[in-house]
Amino acid sequence: MPAQKYNARDVRFQIEDFLNPGTWTEFRTAAGGSGEGGINTFTLGHEYETTDTTTFGSQGQAETQNMQIGKSMTLEGFRLKDPSTGALDPAMALAELQAERLGDDSLVGFRFAAPGDTTWTVWPNATFQLGDQGGGNNDKTSWACTVTRSGPSTTAAIV
């Protein structure tokens, strides 16, 4: 079958529970998690650091090489909160708690998979930083978080 486009709403995202390593909690999207979806937009970012390798022999043409690759993912959507208990959505609550941790404790696992994938893309060490939250008179409250990879990616089977 030829490659085809797929729905962004069907990509899955999970955060590792820092209190229970190896336990993963899914962010609610259209297809993932349970109940109404909170995440409705994601952006996978790539950042490169290069070095200039131009010499006199380059004949006036700039030469560079990639020396470092950085990856991050921004998750955005609606902040989900249980109106009767005040509890946040479990994945959002973990992300908000993780964003308050510093140093070695600021690193935790994050993974994601597109529809049809048989393996997760895993960032074994990632930091979480909260984005803006809020809204206007006729809005639902927004929520945003940027996950930044620290070190290389790995994979894990989706079971």
Protein backbone atom coordinates (compact mmCIF):
# COMPACT_ATOMS: atom_id res chain seq x y z
CA MET A 1 0.00 0.00 0.00
CA PRO A 2 1.40 3.45 -0.84
CA ALA A 3 2.10 5.97 1.93
CA GLN A 4 -0.90 8.11 2.83
CA LYS A 5 -1.60 11.13 4.96
CA TYR A 6 -3.02 10.52 8.44
CA ASN A 7 -5.00 12.51 10.97
CA ALA A 8 -2.99 14.56 13.45
CA ARG A 9 -5.80 13.92 15.95
CA ASP A 10 -4.95 10.21 15.93
CA VAL A 11 -1.34 10.60 17.09
CA ARG A 12 -0.85 9.34 20.66
CA PHE A 13 1.27 10.92 23.41
CA GLN A 14 2.22 9.52 26.82
CA ILE A 15 4.15 10.79 29.84
CA GLU A 16 6.00 8.50 32.24
CA ASP A 17 4.89 8.76 35.86
CA PHE A 18 7.96 9.96 37.77
CA LEU A 19 6.62 8.35 40.97
CA ASN A 20 6.13 5.00 39.20
CA PRO A 21 8.85 4.58 36.53
CA GLY A 22 7.69 2.38 33.66
CA THR A 23 4.06 3.48 34.12
CA TRP A 24 2.76 5.59 31.26
CA THR A 25 -0.25 7.93 31.23
CA GLU A 26 -1.85 8.94 27.94
CA PHE A 27 -2.74 12.51 27.05
CA ARG A 28 -6.34 12.60 25.90
CA THR A 29 -6.79 13.33 22.20
CA ALA A 30 -9.56 12.49 19.73
CA ALA A 31 -8.48 8.84 19.62
CA GLY A 32 -6.27 8.36 22.67
CA GLY A 33 -6.95 8.35 26.38
CA SER A 34 -10.50 8.24 27.68
CA GLY A 35 -13.31 10.73 27.45
CA GLU A 36 -13.25 14.19 25.89
CA GLY A 37 -9.96 15.10 24.24
CA GLY A 38 -7.86 17.93 25.61
CA ILE A 39 -4.91 17.98 23.20
CA ASN A 40 -5.95 19.30 19.80
CA THR A 41 -2.66 20.55 18.34
CA PHE A 42 0.93 19.33 18.39
CA THR A 43 4.12 20.50 16.77
CA LEU A 44 7.31 18.44 16.51
CA GLY A 45 10.27 20.80 16.33
CA HIS A 46 13.83 20.21 15.15
CA GLU A 47 16.79 22.40 16.05
CA TYR A 48 20.26 22.10 14.59
CA GLU A 49 23.58 23.53 15.61
CA THR A 50 26.15 23.73 12.83
CA THR A 51 29.82 24.53 12.58
CA ASP A 52 31.46 26.53 9.84
CA THR A 53 33.94 24.38 7.89
CA THR A 54 34.73 26.97 5.21
CA THR A 55 38.38 27.17 4.15
CA PHE A 56 40.32 29.17 1.55
CA GLY A 57 39.78 26.15 -0.72
CA SER A 58 35.99 26.63 -0.50
CA GLN A 59 36.32 29.26 -3.25
CA GLY A 60 34.01 31.71 -1.45
CA GLN A 61 31.23 29.15 -0.97
CA ALA A 62 30.15 28.63 2.63
CA GLU A 63 30.51 25.10 4.01
CA THR A 64 28.91 23.77 7.20
CA GLN A 65 28.27 20.52 9.02
CA ASN A 66 25.50 19.61 11.45
CA MET A 67 27.04 19.12 14.89
CA GLN A 68 24.02 18.82 17.21
CA ILE A 69 20.36 17.91 16.84
CA GLY A 70 17.64 18.97 19.28
CA LYS A 71 14.02 17.88 19.28
CA SER A 72 10.98 19.21 21.06
CA MET A 73 7.23 18.76 20.90
CA THR A 74 4.59 21.28 21.86
CA LEU A 75 1.20 19.97 22.95
CA GLU A 76 -1.70 22.42 23.02
CA GLY A 77 -5.40 22.20 23.67
CA PHE A 78 -7.94 22.59 26.44
CA ARG A 79 -7.18 22.28 30.16
CA LEU A 80 -9.29 19.39 31.47
CA LYS A 81 -10.51 19.44 35.06
CA ASP A 82 -13.11 17.31 36.85
CA PRO A 83 -15.78 19.81 37.98
CA SER A 84 -16.85 17.71 40.96
CA THR A 85 -13.40 16.87 42.40
CA GLY A 86 -11.21 19.62 40.92
CA ALA A 87 -8.74 16.97 39.73
CA LEU A 88 -6.86 17.71 36.54
CA ASP A 89 -6.68 15.23 33.70
CA PRO A 90 -4.07 12.65 34.85
CA ALA A 91 -1.54 13.29 32.04
CA MET A 92 -1.86 17.07 32.33
CA ALA A 93 -1.45 16.82 36.10
CA LEU A 94 1.75 14.78 35.67
CA ALA A 95 3.09 17.28 33.11
CA GLU A 96 2.35 20.20 35.44
CA LEU A 97 4.05 18.47 38.37
CA GLN A 98 7.02 17.50 36.19
CA ALA A 99 7.42 21.10 35.02
CA GLU A 100 8.09 22.09 38.65
CA ARG A 101 10.94 19.60 39.10
CA LEU A 102 14.56 20.71 38.76
CA GLY A 103 17.97 19.20 38.03
CA ASP A 104 18.13 15.43 37.54
CA ASP A 105 14.52 15.20 38.75
CA SER A 106 13.38 17.33 35.79
CA LEU A 107 13.96 14.40 33.41
CA VAL A 108 11.23 11.85 32.73
CA GLY A 109 10.11 9.70 29.80
CA PHE A 110 7.84 10.82 26.97
CA ARG A 111 6.67 8.80 23.98
CA PHE A 112 4.47 9.20 20.93
CA ALA A 113 3.20 7.18 17.97
CA ALA A 114 1.36 7.87 14.73
CA PRO A 115 -1.60 5.73 13.60
CA GLY A 116 -0.43 2.34 12.34
CA ASP A 117 2.94 2.53 14.12
CA THR A 118 4.00 -0.70 15.81
CA THR A 119 6.60 1.07 17.97
CA TRP A 120 6.61 4.18 20.12
CA THR A 121 9.21 6.87 19.54
CA VAL A 122 10.57 7.19 23.07
CA TRP A 123 12.43 10.09 24.61
CA PRO A 124 13.73 8.34 27.76
CA ASN A 125 14.82 11.69 29.18
CA ALA A 126 12.74 14.78 28.51
CA THR A 127 11.90 18.02 30.27
CA PHE A 128 8.45 19.58 30.47
CA GLN A 129 7.81 23.31 30.40
CA LEU A 130 4.33 24.76 30.68
CA GLY A 131 3.01 27.26 28.17
CA ASP A 132 0.31 29.85 28.48
CA GLN A 133 -3.07 29.01 29.95
CA GLY A 134 -6.17 31.13 29.81
CA GLY A 135 -8.91 32.41 27.55
CA GLY A 136 -11.40 35.13 26.89
CA ASN A 137 -15.01 35.65 27.81
CA ASN A 138 -16.38 32.99 25.46
CA ASP A 139 -13.42 30.58 25.46
CA LYS A 140 -12.62 27.31 27.14
CA THR A 141 -9.39 27.50 29.14
CA SER A 142 -6.33 26.66 27.06
CA TRP A 143 -3.37 24.49 28.07
CA ALA A 144 0.09 24.12 26.54
CA CYS A 145 3.28 22.26 27.31
CA THR A 146 6.63 21.93 25.53
CA VAL A 147 8.50 18.63 25.87
CA THR A 148 12.22 18.81 25.08
CA ARG A 149 14.29 15.69 24.42
CA SER A 150 17.52 15.27 26.40
CA GLY A 151 19.83 12.74 24.74
CA PRO A 152 18.93 10.27 21.99
CA SER A 153 15.55 8.78 21.11
CA THR A 154 14.79 5.08 21.42
CA THR A 155 11.82 2.91 20.48
CA ALA A 156 9.53 0.49 22.31
CA ALA A 157 6.91 -1.92 21.02
CA ILE A 158 3.28 -0.81 21.26
CA VAL A 159 1.46 -3.50 23.21
